[in-house]
Amino acid sequence: MGKRRRVAERRNKRPAVVAGMVAVVVGGAGLGAYALYGGGAAAEDGSAAGAGKKPAVKTGPLSATEVTTAARTFLTAWQRGEVARAAAATDDPAAATALLTGYAKDAHVTGVTLTAGTRAGDKVPFSVKGTVSYKKTAKPLAYSSALAVVRRASDGEPLVDWHASVVHPDLADGDTLVTGESGTPPVKALDKHGGELTAKKYPSLATVLDGLREKYGKTAGGTAGVELRVVRGKASKAKKSSDKTLLELSEGTPGTVRTTLSPTLQAEAEKQVASRPRASVVLTRASTGEILAVANSNPHFNTAFQGSLAPGSTMKVITSSLLIEKGLASADKAHPCPKYFTYGGWKFQNDDEFEIKGGTFKASFARSCNTAFISQAGDLDDDSLTKQAQQVFGLSLNNWAVGVPTFDGSVPVQSKAQMAAELIGQGGVRMNPLNMASVAATVRTGTFHQPYLVDPSVDDRELATAARTMSSSTLSQLRELMAYTAASGTAAEAMSGLGPDYGAKTGSAEVDGQEKPNGWFTAYRGDLAAAGVVQAGGHGGDTAGPIVAALLRAGG
């Protein structure tokens, strides 16, 4: 924009103020009214910039007036269909123009009415109502969204902080909205006994059902309908996110896909994660890899399958197998556990700075002593842990064929302090509950069985395998470590009454800027293996532990 003199705007008419709210009626066929916030929006300040003077850059926190004015400008223009004006009110006009143009042209949304809610700092929630029309079919559309206002770096001007989620909360940047005949017919997902699985009955399965449709819709025997859907962009596809149906204008005929899920255990998993925010859990059959239950507190993202989080001390299961194999540790032999240990320039410590004098490796594992593992880093190669995770536990190869999108763990090769941090599940290591349930299952059976949600015989896909197994001595000691932890270590309270054929490991993963760590828990009992995480919940034994234990108990 070029420089221009700013003068106070004269108005012939003032907006009507009703019950403390400013209401602006936007003209135009089918556009309705747009309700603004309490207090209204002020006119421009009326001061004219001096000739030849560069205006000062605005700084500091945004005022209520700046936030409401920026939001009003954007929402009013969007509602009127003035795409260029709405996009200019954001900090990314090009991206805003593309998505707002597509909202009418590709998504076929008309008659848009936007109603703002109560401002909270620099954020403004709003509701959206409209009609989706395609050929001779139309259905009403209604949802809630929100925007935030920021200052433009060049001049401090308040603008809408543009992200695709402003247009619809299910959109990630790069995604688009499209209405038309769906390229992929719907599917009816069935549990292992033939009962129908729906997101209404099992909220956690919403993303799983999307993934099943994307994978099997074209081959399951159904026919396509007409729908408004989110079409994922490159960034979302890289994260293995599936397209998502938002509104069905006309029903297609679904095909059927049978899964390995147990209806009773899935219901228990839903119940357990509902009791804690940001919780995720997976239960598998250790001997086969069948996934019996998967649940997340947040139904909009499948953290249990696609999460990428530092696993904390649950990673010590893999690290212990490595140290035992290399002769650097043995379950019942003495092993150092000092308060601190410095490696690669970093000073590592134990939780609450505890130490174990004259203790065994088993005691260090059960107490989750960090320095017991860090102290062995100097005797390992940079790629030792990566190879162990890949070759024995089938992780970090990006080759699992579960039946829906998954993240298959990552153990990158690192050096010095970062390599040492990976030994205790920090550094660059990333896992999710599906990965860690598989780790517990590998210990239980002695062999990696890739988890799966749909039997591979359905589509003749090949499941991933591991290059080798642990030695019998290593496996025996690893089971001893996990059994002792379940009976007398940090997992004992959660696993009480589930023995004796069991094993467990707790974990707490520190996250920058987060007051409490992510709590992790992985365990097996009989032929069942499970893992869970509660983000920002605290210690794993207290948070994820009861969730995992409840599922193991329910599984019998």
Protein backbone atom coordinates (compact mmCIF):
# COMPACT_ATOMS: atom_id res chain seq x y z
CA MET A 1 0.00 0.00 0.00
CA GLY A 2 1.19 3.51 -0.73
CA LYS A 3 1.46 6.23 1.91
CA ARG A 4 -1.66 8.27 2.45
CA ARG A 5 -2.91 10.88 4.85
CA ARG A 6 -5.23 9.55 7.51
CA VAL A 7 -8.30 11.64 8.26
CA ALA A 8 -11.22 11.00 10.54
CA GLU A 9 -14.08 9.27 8.81
CA ARG A 10 -17.32 11.14 8.87
CA ARG A 11 -20.41 9.03 9.23
CA ASN A 12 -23.93 10.08 8.35
CA LYS A 13 -25.30 7.21 10.39
CA ARG A 14 -24.09 5.56 13.55
CA PRO A 15 -24.45 1.83 14.23
CA ALA A 16 -27.30 0.95 16.52
CA VAL A 17 -26.21 -0.08 20.02
CA VAL A 18 -28.43 -2.71 21.61
CA ALA A 19 -27.75 -4.14 25.08
CA GLY A 20 -24.08 -3.17 24.93
CA MET A 21 -23.53 -4.79 21.52
CA VAL A 22 -22.80 -3.08 18.24
CA ALA A 23 -24.77 -4.59 15.39
CA VAL A 24 -23.73 -3.98 11.80
CA VAL A 25 -26.11 -5.08 9.09
CA VAL A 26 -24.25 -6.08 5.97
CA GLY A 27 -26.18 -5.48 2.77
CA GLY A 28 -26.39 -7.89 -0.11
CA ALA A 29 -28.66 -10.75 -1.07
CA GLY A 30 -28.59 -13.71 1.28
CA LEU A 31 -26.03 -12.17 3.65
CA GLY A 32 -27.93 -11.47 6.86
CA ALA A 33 -26.58 -9.76 9.96
CA TYR A 34 -23.17 -9.80 11.62
CA ALA A 35 -23.05 -9.24 15.37
CA LEU A 36 -20.01 -7.47 16.78
CA TYR A 37 -18.56 -7.29 20.25
CA GLY A 38 -19.43 -5.18 23.27
CA GLY A 39 -18.06 -1.65 23.11
CA GLY A 40 -17.98 -1.46 19.34
CA ALA A 41 -15.11 -0.12 17.26
CA ALA A 42 -13.67 3.37 17.38
CA ALA A 43 -13.26 5.64 14.37
CA GLU A 44 -9.74 6.30 13.14
CA ASP A 45 -7.82 8.71 15.32
CA GLY A 46 -8.23 11.68 12.99
CA SER A 47 -4.62 12.79 13.21
CA ALA A 48 -2.96 13.49 9.87
CA ALA A 49 0.64 12.46 9.38
CA GLY A 50 2.98 15.35 8.84
CA ALA A 51 4.13 15.83 5.28
CA GLY A 52 7.28 13.92 4.57
CA LYS A 53 7.39 12.25 7.98
CA LYS A 54 7.63 8.51 8.28
CA PRO A 55 4.86 7.31 10.63
CA ALA A 56 6.05 5.65 13.81
CA VAL A 57 5.76 1.86 14.02
CA LYS A 58 3.10 0.84 16.48
CA THR A 59 4.35 -1.40 19.27
CA GLY A 60 3.14 -2.85 22.52
CA PRO A 61 0.13 -4.98 23.38
CA LEU A 62 -2.93 -4.70 21.18
CA SER A 63 -5.80 -2.69 22.58
CA ALA A 64 -9.34 -4.03 22.68
CA THR A 65 -10.29 -1.56 19.98
CA GLU A 66 -7.46 -2.66 17.70
CA VAL A 67 -8.44 -6.31 18.04
CA THR A 68 -12.15 -5.77 17.46
CA THR A 69 -11.58 -3.38 14.57
CA ALA A 70 -9.21 -5.76 12.77
CA ALA A 71 -11.59 -8.67 13.32
CA ARG A 72 -14.59 -6.63 12.17
CA THR A 73 -12.84 -5.54 8.99
CA PHE A 74 -11.93 -9.09 8.08
CA LEU A 75 -15.20 -10.78 8.99
CA THR A 76 -17.39 -8.14 7.38
CA ALA A 77 -15.46 -8.32 4.12
CA TRP A 78 -15.51 -12.13 4.14
CA GLN A 79 -19.26 -12.18 4.72
CA ARG A 80 -19.84 -9.71 1.89
CA GLY A 81 -17.78 -11.84 -0.47
CA GLU A 82 -15.15 -9.10 -0.79
CA VAL A 83 -12.23 -11.49 -0.92
CA ALA A 84 -9.53 -8.94 -1.76
CA ARG A 85 -10.54 -6.69 1.12
CA ALA A 86 -10.78 -9.57 3.57
CA ALA A 87 -7.38 -10.91 2.50
CA ALA A 88 -5.82 -7.45 2.86
CA ALA A 89 -6.94 -7.47 6.51
CA THR A 90 -4.65 -10.47 7.17
CA ASP A 91 -0.88 -10.84 7.44
CA ASP A 92 -0.81 -13.28 4.49
CA PRO A 93 -3.02 -11.86 1.72
CA ALA A 94 -1.95 -14.40 -0.91
CA ALA A 95 -2.84 -17.47 1.17
CA ALA A 96 -6.04 -15.83 2.43
CA THR A 97 -7.12 -14.93 -1.11
CA ALA A 98 -6.65 -18.48 -2.33
CA LEU A 99 -8.61 -20.12 0.48
CA LEU A 100 -11.41 -17.54 0.67
CA THR A 101 -11.86 -17.71 -3.11
CA GLY A 102 -12.07 -21.49 -2.90
CA TYR A 103 -14.59 -21.24 -0.06
CA ALA A 104 -17.18 -19.96 -2.54
CA LYS A 105 -15.88 -21.44 -5.80
CA ASP A 106 -14.77 -24.94 -4.74
CA ALA A 107 -16.59 -25.53 -1.45
CA HIS A 108 -19.77 -23.90 -2.86
CA VAL A 109 -20.64 -22.19 0.43
CA THR A 110 -23.16 -19.36 0.01
CA GLY A 111 -25.31 -17.14 2.22
CA VAL A 112 -22.56 -16.79 4.80
CA THR A 113 -23.43 -15.22 8.16
CA LEU A 114 -20.64 -14.57 10.68
CA THR A 115 -21.33 -13.83 14.34
CA ALA A 116 -18.49 -12.85 16.63
CA GLY A 117 -18.28 -13.97 20.22
CA THR A 118 -16.60 -12.33 23.19
CA ARG A 119 -13.03 -11.18 22.63
CA ALA A 120 -10.40 -12.79 24.87
CA GLY A 121 -7.15 -10.86 24.63
CA ASP A 122 -6.04 -10.89 21.00
CA LYS A 123 -8.41 -13.75 20.06
CA VAL A 124 -11.96 -13.52 18.76
CA PRO A 125 -14.21 -16.58 18.42
CA PHE A 126 -16.96 -16.52 15.83
CA SER A 127 -19.69 -18.75 14.45
CA VAL A 128 -20.30 -19.48 10.79
CA LYS A 129 -23.61 -20.28 9.15
CA GLY A 130 -24.20 -20.80 5.46
CA THR A 131 -25.48 -23.16 2.82
CA VAL A 132 -23.53 -25.70 0.82
CA SER A 133 -25.04 -26.10 -2.65
CA TYR A 134 -23.98 -28.53 -5.36
CA LYS A 135 -26.04 -29.01 -8.49
CA LYS A 136 -29.58 -29.62 -7.20
CA THR A 137 -28.56 -30.53 -3.66
CA ALA A 138 -28.17 -28.11 -0.74
CA LYS A 139 -27.66 -28.43 2.99
CA PRO A 140 -27.13 -25.92 5.82
CA LEU A 141 -23.64 -25.57 7.26
CA ALA A 142 -22.83 -24.36 10.77
CA TYR A 143 -19.64 -24.44 12.81
CA SER A 144 -17.47 -22.38 15.16
CA SER A 145 -14.04 -20.95 14.50
CA ALA A 146 -11.70 -18.30 15.88
CA LEU A 147 -9.08 -15.78 14.79
CA ALA A 148 -6.19 -13.97 16.43
CA VAL A 149 -4.91 -10.46 15.73
CA VAL A 150 -1.22 -9.56 15.51
CA ARG A 151 0.82 -6.50 14.61
CA ARG A 152 2.38 -6.30 11.18
CA ALA A 153 6.14 -6.10 11.63
CA SER A 154 6.65 -3.27 9.13
CA ASP A 155 4.28 -0.73 10.67
CA GLY A 156 2.58 -2.33 13.67
CA GLU A 157 -0.80 -2.35 11.96
CA PRO A 158 -3.23 -4.84 13.59
CA LEU A 159 -4.07 -7.67 11.18
CA VAL A 160 -5.66 -11.08 11.38
CA ASP A 161 -2.99 -13.73 11.96
CA TRP A 162 -3.71 -15.87 8.92
CA HIS A 163 -3.98 -19.62 9.15
CA ALA A 164 -6.30 -21.93 7.25
CA SER A 165 -7.94 -22.87 10.55
CA VAL A 166 -9.54 -19.39 10.61
CA VAL A 167 -11.80 -20.50 7.76
CA HIS A 168 -12.52 -23.88 9.36
CA PRO A 169 -10.94 -25.42 12.49
CA ASP A 170 -10.29 -28.74 10.71
CA LEU A 171 -8.08 -27.08 8.12
CA ALA A 172 -4.31 -27.03 8.42
CA ASP A 173 -2.24 -24.62 6.35
CA GLY A 174 -2.18 -25.84 2.76
CA ASP A 175 -5.46 -27.77 3.04
CA THR A 176 -8.52 -26.84 0.97
CA LEU A 177 -12.29 -27.26 1.12
CA VAL A 178 -14.05 -28.97 -1.79
CA THR A 179 -17.67 -29.92 -2.40
CA GLY A 180 -18.50 -32.52 -5.03
CA GLU A 181 -18.81 -36.17 -5.71
CA SER A 182 -16.36 -37.80 -3.36
CA GLY A 183 -13.57 -39.60 -5.10
CA THR A 184 -13.59 -42.18 -2.34
CA PRO A 185 -16.81 -44.02 -1.43
CA PRO A 186 -17.71 -44.24 2.27
CA VAL A 187 -16.94 -47.34 4.31
CA LYS A 188 -18.73 -49.01 7.19
CA ALA A 189 -16.05 -50.03 9.67
CA LEU A 190 -16.76 -53.14 11.71
CA ASP A 191 -15.26 -54.38 14.94
CA LYS A 192 -13.77 -57.87 15.17
CA HIS A 193 -17.21 -59.34 15.89
CA GLY A 194 -18.98 -57.57 13.01
CA GLY A 195 -20.57 -54.68 14.91
CA GLU A 196 -20.49 -51.22 13.33
CA LEU A 197 -17.93 -48.72 14.60
CA THR A 198 -19.08 -45.10 14.55
CA ALA A 199 -17.57 -41.86 15.79
CA LYS A 200 -20.79 -41.16 17.67
CA LYS A 201 -20.37 -44.30 19.77
CA TYR A 202 -16.58 -44.19 19.89
CA PRO A 203 -15.45 -40.54 19.54
CA SER A 204 -11.76 -41.44 19.41
CA LEU A 205 -12.27 -43.34 16.19
CA ALA A 206 -13.17 -40.30 14.06
CA THR A 207 -9.68 -39.98 12.58
CA VAL A 208 -9.31 -43.76 12.36
CA LEU A 209 -12.52 -44.01 10.33
CA ASP A 210 -11.25 -41.27 8.00
CA GLY A 211 -8.06 -43.25 7.52
CA LEU A 212 -9.95 -46.48 6.80
CA ARG A 213 -12.04 -44.74 4.18
CA GLU A 214 -9.00 -43.25 2.48
CA LYS A 215 -7.24 -46.61 2.41
CA TYR A 216 -10.12 -48.96 1.58
CA GLY A 217 -12.96 -46.80 0.20
CA LYS A 218 -12.26 -47.56 -3.44
CA THR A 219 -11.89 -51.29 -2.92
CA ALA A 220 -14.52 -52.06 -0.26
CA GLY A 221 -17.46 -52.18 -2.71
CA GLY A 222 -19.20 -48.87 -2.00
CA THR A 223 -20.35 -45.99 -4.24
CA ALA A 224 -19.49 -42.31 -3.78
CA GLY A 225 -21.88 -39.61 -2.55
CA VAL A 226 -21.71 -35.79 -2.61
CA GLU A 227 -19.99 -34.09 0.31
CA LEU A 228 -18.05 -31.11 1.60
CA ARG A 229 -14.64 -32.35 2.63
CA VAL A 230 -11.19 -31.24 3.68
CA VAL A 231 -8.63 -32.12 1.04
CA ARG A 232 -5.21 -32.35 2.65
CA GLY A 233 -2.26 -30.41 1.27
CA LYS A 234 1.36 -31.51 1.02
CA ALA A 235 2.24 -30.61 4.63
CA SER A 236 -0.72 -32.54 6.03
CA LYS A 237 -0.04 -35.53 3.81
CA ALA A 238 3.55 -35.53 5.00
CA LYS A 239 2.11 -35.96 8.51
CA LYS A 240 -0.09 -38.76 7.16
CA SER A 241 -3.32 -36.85 7.82
CA SER A 242 -6.37 -38.15 5.96
CA ASP A 243 -9.00 -36.18 4.04
CA LYS A 244 -12.03 -35.48 6.21
CA THR A 245 -15.74 -35.29 5.43
CA LEU A 246 -17.40 -32.23 6.99
CA LEU A 247 -20.89 -32.41 5.52
CA GLU A 248 -22.67 -35.11 3.53
CA LEU A 249 -25.08 -33.67 0.97
CA SER A 250 -26.15 -37.00 -0.46
CA GLU A 251 -25.27 -40.41 0.85
CA GLY A 252 -23.12 -42.84 -1.01
CA THR A 253 -23.36 -46.58 -0.50
CA PRO A 254 -20.69 -47.70 1.96
CA GLY A 255 -18.49 -50.72 1.56
CA THR A 256 -17.45 -52.66 4.66
CA VAL A 257 -14.07 -53.06 6.32
CA ARG A 258 -13.57 -55.33 9.32
CA THR A 259 -11.02 -54.24 11.92
CA THR A 260 -9.31 -55.98 14.83
CA LEU A 261 -10.90 -53.71 17.44
CA SER A 262 -12.71 -55.24 20.40
CA PRO A 263 -15.98 -53.37 21.15
CA THR A 264 -15.72 -53.92 24.91
CA LEU A 265 -12.07 -52.90 25.12
CA GLN A 266 -12.61 -49.93 22.81
CA ALA A 267 -15.42 -48.75 25.07
CA GLU A 268 -13.12 -49.10 28.10
CA ALA A 269 -10.37 -47.17 26.32
CA GLU A 270 -12.80 -44.35 25.52
CA LYS A 271 -13.86 -44.25 29.15
CA GLN A 272 -10.29 -44.11 30.42
CA VAL A 273 -9.04 -41.26 28.21
CA ALA A 274 -12.19 -39.24 28.89
CA SER A 275 -11.08 -38.96 32.52
CA ARG A 276 -7.92 -37.01 31.65
CA PRO A 277 -7.16 -34.24 29.16
CA ARG A 278 -4.59 -34.95 26.43
CA ALA A 279 -4.51 -38.70 27.08
CA SER A 280 -3.91 -41.43 24.49
CA VAL A 281 -3.71 -45.21 24.79
CA VAL A 282 -3.31 -48.33 22.61
CA LEU A 283 -3.92 -51.98 23.49
CA THR A 284 -2.59 -54.83 21.32
CA ARG A 285 -2.42 -58.61 21.30
CA ALA A 286 1.28 -59.24 21.78
CA SER A 287 1.51 -62.54 19.93
CA THR A 288 -0.08 -61.28 16.70
CA GLY A 289 0.09 -57.47 16.62
CA GLU A 290 -3.72 -57.08 16.44
CA ILE A 291 -4.80 -53.67 17.74
CA LEU A 292 -7.68 -54.23 20.17
CA ALA A 293 -8.31 -50.63 21.25
CA VAL A 294 -7.11 -47.10 20.51
CA ALA A 295 -8.34 -43.91 22.14
CA ASN A 296 -7.47 -40.22 22.48
CA SER A 297 -8.92 -37.45 24.62
CA ASN A 298 -8.68 -35.18 21.58
CA PRO A 299 -10.82 -36.75 18.82
CA HIS A 300 -9.40 -34.40 16.19
CA PHE A 301 -5.90 -35.88 16.12
CA ASN A 302 -4.85 -39.49 16.59
CA THR A 303 -1.90 -39.00 18.93
CA ALA A 304 -2.01 -42.71 19.76
CA PHE A 305 -1.07 -43.62 16.16
CA GLN A 306 0.40 -40.44 14.69
CA GLY A 307 1.86 -38.60 17.66
CA SER A 308 5.57 -37.78 17.63
CA LEU A 309 6.63 -37.27 21.24
CA ALA A 310 9.73 -37.88 23.33
CA PRO A 311 8.93 -41.14 25.19
CA GLY A 312 11.00 -40.39 28.28
CA SER A 313 12.12 -43.31 30.41
CA THR A 314 9.95 -45.87 28.61
CA MET A 315 12.77 -45.73 26.02
CA LYS A 316 14.97 -47.38 28.65
CA VAL A 317 13.39 -50.69 27.69
CA ILE A 318 15.14 -50.49 24.31
CA THR A 319 18.30 -48.99 25.81
CA SER A 320 18.48 -51.75 28.42
CA SER A 321 18.32 -54.43 25.75
CA LEU A 322 21.25 -52.69 24.06
CA LEU A 323 23.35 -52.38 27.21
CA ILE A 324 22.73 -56.00 28.20
CA GLU A 325 23.60 -57.27 24.73
CA LYS A 326 26.86 -55.31 24.74
CA GLY A 327 27.83 -56.50 28.23
CA LEU A 328 27.53 -52.99 29.69
CA ALA A 329 24.81 -53.97 32.16
CA SER A 330 23.35 -57.07 33.75
CA ALA A 331 20.14 -57.29 35.74
CA ASP A 332 21.59 -58.46 39.04
CA LYS A 333 25.07 -57.00 38.84
CA ALA A 334 26.21 -53.79 40.50
CA HIS A 335 25.64 -50.70 38.36
CA PRO A 336 26.38 -47.00 39.03
CA CYS A 337 23.53 -44.61 39.74
CA PRO A 338 25.07 -41.30 40.87
CA LYS A 339 23.08 -38.10 41.40
CA TYR A 340 24.72 -36.49 38.37
CA PHE A 341 26.68 -37.53 35.32
CA THR A 342 28.23 -35.20 32.77
CA TYR A 343 28.55 -36.27 29.14
CA GLY A 344 29.13 -34.25 25.99
CA GLY A 345 29.13 -31.03 27.97
CA TRP A 346 25.69 -31.64 29.50
CA LYS A 347 25.12 -32.37 33.17
CA PHE A 348 22.41 -35.02 33.54
CA GLN A 349 20.64 -35.76 36.81
CA ASN A 350 18.02 -38.04 38.28
CA ASP A 351 14.54 -36.98 39.27
CA ASP A 352 14.81 -35.23 42.65
CA GLU A 353 18.59 -35.78 42.39
CA PHE A 354 18.42 -39.23 43.99
CA GLU A 355 21.24 -41.76 43.89
CA ILE A 356 21.49 -45.49 44.50
CA LYS A 357 24.67 -46.54 46.28
CA GLY A 358 25.82 -50.09 45.64
CA GLY A 359 22.67 -50.96 43.70
CA THR A 360 22.10 -53.31 40.80
CA PHE A 361 21.08 -52.45 37.25
CA LYS A 362 17.66 -53.91 38.06
CA ALA A 363 17.28 -51.42 40.90
CA SER A 364 18.28 -48.55 38.60
CA PHE A 365 15.77 -49.64 35.95
CA ALA A 366 12.95 -50.00 38.47
CA ARG A 367 13.69 -46.61 40.03
CA SER A 368 14.24 -45.07 36.56
CA CYS A 369 17.74 -43.83 37.24
CA ASN A 370 18.86 -41.63 34.34
CA THR A 371 22.55 -41.57 35.17
CA ALA A 372 22.72 -45.38 35.12
CA PHE A 373 22.15 -45.13 31.36
CA ILE A 374 23.96 -41.87 30.60
CA SER A 375 27.10 -43.25 32.24
CA GLN A 376 27.33 -45.92 29.53
CA ALA A 377 27.16 -43.52 26.57
CA GLY A 378 30.94 -43.43 26.17
CA ASP A 379 31.01 -47.14 25.35
CA LEU A 380 28.41 -46.85 22.58
CA ASP A 381 28.65 -45.78 18.95
CA ASP A 382 26.52 -42.89 17.76
CA ASP A 383 24.27 -45.28 15.83
CA SER A 384 24.05 -48.08 18.43
CA LEU A 385 20.61 -47.13 19.76
CA THR A 386 19.24 -46.46 16.27
CA LYS A 387 20.30 -49.91 15.09
CA GLN A 388 18.85 -51.60 18.17
CA ALA A 389 15.48 -49.87 17.70
CA GLN A 390 15.38 -50.77 14.00
CA GLN A 391 16.83 -54.27 13.99
CA VAL A 392 15.18 -55.71 17.13
CA PHE A 393 12.05 -53.60 17.71
CA GLY A 394 11.09 -52.76 14.10
CA LEU A 395 10.99 -49.02 14.78
CA SER A 396 12.24 -45.95 12.94
CA LEU A 397 12.02 -47.48 9.45
CA ASN A 398 8.76 -45.87 8.31
CA ASN A 399 7.49 -49.15 6.88
CA TRP A 400 4.57 -50.23 9.06
CA ALA A 401 1.40 -51.18 7.16
CA VAL A 402 -1.23 -50.87 9.90
CA GLY A 403 -4.23 -50.16 7.65
CA VAL A 404 -4.44 -46.47 8.55
CA PRO A 405 -1.76 -43.74 8.67
CA THR A 406 0.76 -44.10 11.50
CA PHE A 407 4.03 -42.63 12.68
CA ASP A 408 6.42 -45.53 13.17
CA GLY A 409 8.84 -43.99 15.65
CA SER A 410 12.10 -42.15 15.07
CA VAL A 411 15.49 -42.78 16.64
CA PRO A 412 17.89 -40.59 14.64
CA VAL A 413 21.64 -41.03 14.81
CA GLN A 414 22.99 -38.29 17.07
CA SER A 415 26.26 -37.62 18.84
CA LYS A 416 27.68 -36.45 22.15
CA ALA A 417 25.11 -35.09 24.60
CA GLN A 418 22.18 -35.58 22.24
CA MET A 419 23.07 -39.23 21.77
CA ALA A 420 23.25 -39.66 25.54
CA ALA A 421 19.86 -37.94 25.94
CA GLU A 422 18.30 -40.41 23.50
CA LEU A 423 19.25 -43.27 25.83
CA ILE A 424 16.70 -41.95 28.32
CA GLY A 425 14.04 -41.05 25.74
CA GLN A 426 14.88 -37.39 25.26
CA GLY A 427 17.02 -35.76 22.56
CA GLY A 428 15.73 -36.58 19.09
CA VAL A 429 13.81 -39.77 19.93
CA ARG A 430 10.11 -39.61 19.05
CA MET A 431 7.41 -42.20 19.72
CA ASN A 432 3.68 -42.62 20.29
CA PRO A 433 1.60 -45.11 22.31
CA LEU A 434 1.31 -47.52 19.36
CA ASN A 435 5.11 -47.66 19.08
CA MET A 436 5.61 -48.20 22.81
CA ALA A 437 2.85 -50.82 23.05
CA SER A 438 4.75 -52.67 20.32
CA VAL A 439 7.95 -52.40 22.38
CA ALA A 440 6.22 -54.04 25.35
CA ALA A 441 4.81 -56.72 23.05
CA THR A 442 8.27 -57.48 21.65
CA VAL A 443 9.58 -58.02 25.18
CA ARG A 444 6.59 -60.20 26.04
CA THR A 445 6.93 -62.49 22.99
CA GLY A 446 10.62 -62.11 22.15
CA THR A 447 9.79 -61.24 18.54
CA PHE A 448 8.59 -58.05 16.85
CA HIS A 449 5.06 -58.39 15.47
CA GLN A 450 4.03 -55.29 13.54
CA PRO A 451 0.76 -53.92 14.94
CA TYR A 452 -2.19 -53.86 12.55
CA LEU A 453 -5.78 -52.62 12.57
CA VAL A 454 -6.96 -54.43 9.43
CA ASP A 455 -5.88 -58.00 8.75
CA PRO A 456 -3.26 -58.03 5.98
CA SER A 457 -5.24 -60.70 4.12
CA VAL A 458 -7.86 -58.05 3.27
CA ASP A 459 -5.56 -56.33 0.79
CA ASP A 460 -2.57 -58.67 0.62
CA ARG A 461 -0.25 -56.09 2.11
CA GLU A 462 3.05 -57.12 3.64
CA LEU A 463 3.67 -56.39 7.31
CA ALA A 464 7.01 -55.07 8.51
CA THR A 465 9.45 -57.43 10.19
CA ALA A 466 12.55 -56.98 12.34
CA ALA A 467 16.00 -58.06 11.18
CA ARG A 468 16.78 -60.08 14.30
CA THR A 469 15.68 -61.01 17.79
CA MET A 470 17.35 -60.56 21.16
CA SER A 471 19.43 -63.36 22.60
CA SER A 472 17.63 -65.57 25.11
CA SER A 473 19.80 -64.17 27.91
CA THR A 474 19.04 -60.56 27.00
CA LEU A 475 15.31 -61.28 26.68
CA SER A 476 15.20 -63.09 30.02
CA GLN A 477 16.92 -60.23 31.82
CA LEU A 478 14.74 -57.60 30.12
CA ARG A 479 11.61 -59.41 31.26
CA GLU A 480 13.09 -59.59 34.75
CA LEU A 481 13.64 -55.82 34.74
CA MET A 482 10.08 -55.06 33.64
CA ALA A 483 8.54 -57.59 36.03
CA TYR A 484 10.48 -56.15 38.95
CA THR A 485 9.40 -52.62 38.00
CA ALA A 486 5.76 -53.74 37.87
CA ALA A 487 6.03 -55.45 41.26
CA SER A 488 8.33 -53.15 43.23
CA GLY A 489 9.34 -50.16 41.13
CA THR A 490 7.75 -46.99 39.80
CA ALA A 491 4.96 -48.99 38.09
CA ALA A 492 3.94 -50.98 41.17
CA GLU A 493 0.96 -48.89 42.24
CA ALA A 494 -0.67 -48.91 38.80
CA MET A 495 0.03 -52.62 38.19
CA SER A 496 -1.10 -53.80 41.61
CA GLY A 497 -3.10 -57.04 41.40
CA LEU A 498 -2.22 -57.74 37.75
CA GLY A 499 0.70 -60.11 38.29
CA PRO A 500 2.57 -62.32 38.15
CA ASP A 501 2.78 -62.66 34.35
CA TYR A 502 3.43 -58.99 33.73
CA GLY A 503 5.99 -56.25 33.20
CA ALA A 504 5.98 -52.46 32.97
CA LYS A 505 8.03 -49.29 32.62
CA THR A 506 7.12 -45.73 33.49
CA GLY A 507 8.39 -42.56 31.86
CA SER A 508 8.31 -38.79 32.21
CA ALA A 509 9.41 -36.69 29.25
CA GLU A 510 10.37 -33.07 29.76
CA VAL A 511 8.99 -30.62 27.18
CA ASP A 512 10.29 -27.08 26.76
CA GLY A 513 7.82 -24.48 28.02
CA GLN A 514 5.65 -27.09 29.70
CA GLU A 515 5.26 -26.96 33.49
CA LYS A 516 4.67 -30.69 33.91
CA PRO A 517 6.29 -33.49 31.90
CA ASN A 518 4.42 -35.86 29.60
CA GLY A 519 3.63 -39.00 31.56
CA TRP A 520 4.27 -42.35 29.82
CA PHE A 521 3.53 -45.96 30.71
CA THR A 522 4.12 -49.18 28.77
CA ALA A 523 3.26 -52.66 30.02
CA TYR A 524 2.23 -56.20 29.20
CA ARG A 525 0.09 -58.76 30.96
CA GLY A 526 -0.35 -62.22 29.57
CA ASP A 527 -0.81 -61.84 25.82
CA LEU A 528 -1.82 -58.19 26.03
CA ALA A 529 0.53 -55.22 25.59
CA ALA A 530 -0.40 -51.56 26.00
CA ALA A 531 1.05 -48.09 26.26
CA GLY A 532 -0.29 -44.65 26.98
CA VAL A 533 0.71 -41.03 27.41
CA VAL A 534 -0.85 -38.10 29.23
CA GLN A 535 0.64 -34.90 27.90
CA ALA A 536 1.56 -32.31 30.52
CA GLY A 537 0.14 -34.66 33.13
CA GLY A 538 3.16 -35.41 35.31
CA HIS A 539 4.81 -38.70 36.20
CA GLY A 540 3.74 -41.66 34.09
CA GLY A 541 3.02 -43.99 36.98
CA ASP A 542 0.40 -41.58 38.30
CA THR A 543 -1.13 -40.45 34.98
CA ALA A 544 -0.83 -42.89 32.09
CA GLY A 545 -0.30 -45.88 34.40
CA PRO A 546 -3.89 -46.21 35.65
CA ILE A 547 -5.22 -45.92 32.09
CA VAL A 548 -2.97 -48.69 30.76
CA ALA A 549 -3.57 -50.90 33.79
CA ALA A 550 -7.34 -50.54 33.44
CA LEU A 551 -7.19 -51.81 29.88
CA LEU A 552 -4.94 -54.74 30.80
CA ARG A 553 -7.34 -55.63 33.59
CA ALA A 554 -10.38 -55.34 31.30
CA GLY A 555 -8.70 -57.61 28.76
CA GLY A 556 -8.54 -60.42 31.32
